[in-house]
Amino acid sequence: MANTPQSKKRARQNEKRFEVNKARRSRIRTYLRKVEEAIASGDKDAAVAALRAAQPELMRGVTKGVFHKNTASRKVSRLASRVKSLG
């Protein structure tokens, strides 16, 4: 339990930041799910469009500190290779 004024403020800030990051993570996962669904349906055009929309969102998550840079790059790379392999 936070006792000092500084630790109480930090706890409040952490709660706010957690909510913002949670929303951001959820938004990114939604974009990734759209890419996955397009790949599963075999629709290359939809998959390419979904990937183009997902890439900036993932990288925005990196700049905001939600994901590590290598994690986002790995996800984009793997999705891109799967989209490319579609007929």
Protein backbone atom coordinates (compact mmCIF):
# COMPACT_ATOMS: atom_id res chain seq x y z
CA MET A 1 0.00 0.00 0.00
CA ALA A 2 1.30 3.43 -0.93
CA ASN A 3 1.96 5.62 2.11
CA THR A 4 3.91 8.69 1.07
CA PRO A 5 2.34 11.37 -1.15
CA GLN A 6 4.84 10.56 -3.87
CA SER A 7 4.05 6.85 -3.83
CA LYS A 8 0.31 7.59 -3.84
CA LYS A 9 0.74 9.77 -6.91
CA ARG A 10 2.86 7.11 -8.62
CA ALA A 11 0.15 4.54 -7.92
CA ARG A 12 -2.47 6.83 -9.50
CA GLN A 13 -0.26 7.44 -12.52
CA ASN A 14 0.40 3.71 -12.90
CA GLU A 15 -3.34 2.97 -12.92
CA LYS A 16 -3.98 5.57 -15.62
CA ARG A 17 -1.04 4.37 -17.71
CA PHE A 18 -2.20 0.76 -17.34
CA GLU A 19 -5.64 1.63 -18.71
CA VAL A 20 -4.17 3.55 -21.66
CA ASN A 21 -1.74 0.74 -22.48
CA LYS A 22 -4.49 -1.88 -22.13
CA ALA A 23 -6.65 -0.04 -24.66
CA ARG A 24 -3.70 0.36 -27.01
CA ARG A 25 -2.77 -3.32 -26.76
CA SER A 26 -6.37 -4.31 -27.42
CA ARG A 27 -6.52 -2.06 -30.49
CA ILE A 28 -3.32 -3.58 -31.87
CA ARG A 29 -4.58 -7.12 -31.27
CA THR A 30 -7.74 -6.26 -33.20
CA TYR A 31 -5.68 -5.19 -36.20
CA LEU A 32 -3.59 -8.36 -35.96
CA ARG A 33 -6.74 -10.50 -35.73
CA LYS A 34 -8.07 -8.90 -38.93
CA VAL A 35 -4.86 -9.90 -40.72
CA GLU A 36 -5.12 -13.44 -39.32
CA GLU A 37 -8.74 -13.74 -40.46
CA ALA A 38 -7.87 -12.51 -43.96
CA ILE A 39 -5.03 -15.04 -44.18
CA ALA A 40 -7.32 -17.82 -42.96
CA SER A 41 -9.94 -16.95 -45.56
CA GLY A 42 -7.27 -17.04 -48.28
CA ASP A 43 -8.11 -13.55 -49.55
CA LYS A 44 -4.74 -12.08 -50.50
CA ASP A 45 -6.05 -8.58 -51.30
CA ALA A 46 -7.81 -8.31 -47.94
CA ALA A 47 -4.75 -9.71 -46.16
CA VAL A 48 -2.45 -7.16 -47.81
CA ALA A 49 -4.80 -4.32 -46.91
CA ALA A 50 -5.14 -5.54 -43.32
CA LEU A 51 -1.36 -5.88 -42.98
CA ARG A 52 -0.85 -2.34 -44.31
CA ALA A 53 -3.27 -1.08 -41.67
CA ALA A 54 -1.72 -3.18 -38.89
CA GLN A 55 1.92 -2.23 -39.45
CA PRO A 56 1.70 1.42 -38.36
CA GLU A 57 -0.43 0.44 -35.37
CA LEU A 58 2.18 -2.07 -34.22
CA MET A 59 4.99 0.42 -34.64
CA ARG A 60 2.97 3.07 -32.81
CA GLY A 61 2.76 0.59 -29.95
CA VAL A 62 6.55 0.47 -29.96
CA THR A 63 6.93 4.24 -29.73
CA LYS A 64 4.36 4.35 -26.92
CA GLY A 65 6.21 1.66 -24.98
CA VAL A 66 3.56 -1.07 -25.22
CA PHE A 67 5.73 -3.49 -27.22
CA HIS A 68 9.46 -3.94 -27.67
CA LYS A 69 10.77 -2.98 -31.10
CA ASN A 70 12.01 -6.48 -31.92
CA THR A 71 8.70 -8.03 -30.91
CA ALA A 72 6.75 -5.77 -33.25
CA SER A 73 9.25 -6.29 -36.07
CA ARG A 74 9.06 -10.05 -35.61
CA LYS A 75 5.25 -9.99 -35.74
CA VAL A 76 5.22 -7.83 -38.88
CA SER A 77 7.84 -10.01 -40.55
CA ARG A 78 6.00 -13.25 -39.84
CA LEU A 79 2.66 -11.84 -40.96
CA ALA A 80 4.22 -10.40 -44.12
CA SER A 81 5.77 -13.73 -45.06
CA ARG A 82 2.44 -15.52 -44.49
CA VAL A 83 0.59 -12.93 -46.61
CA LYS A 84 3.21 -13.23 -49.33
CA SER A 85 2.85 -17.01 -49.44
CA LEU A 86 -0.90 -16.74 -50.17
CA GLY A 87 -1.89 -17.78 -53.67
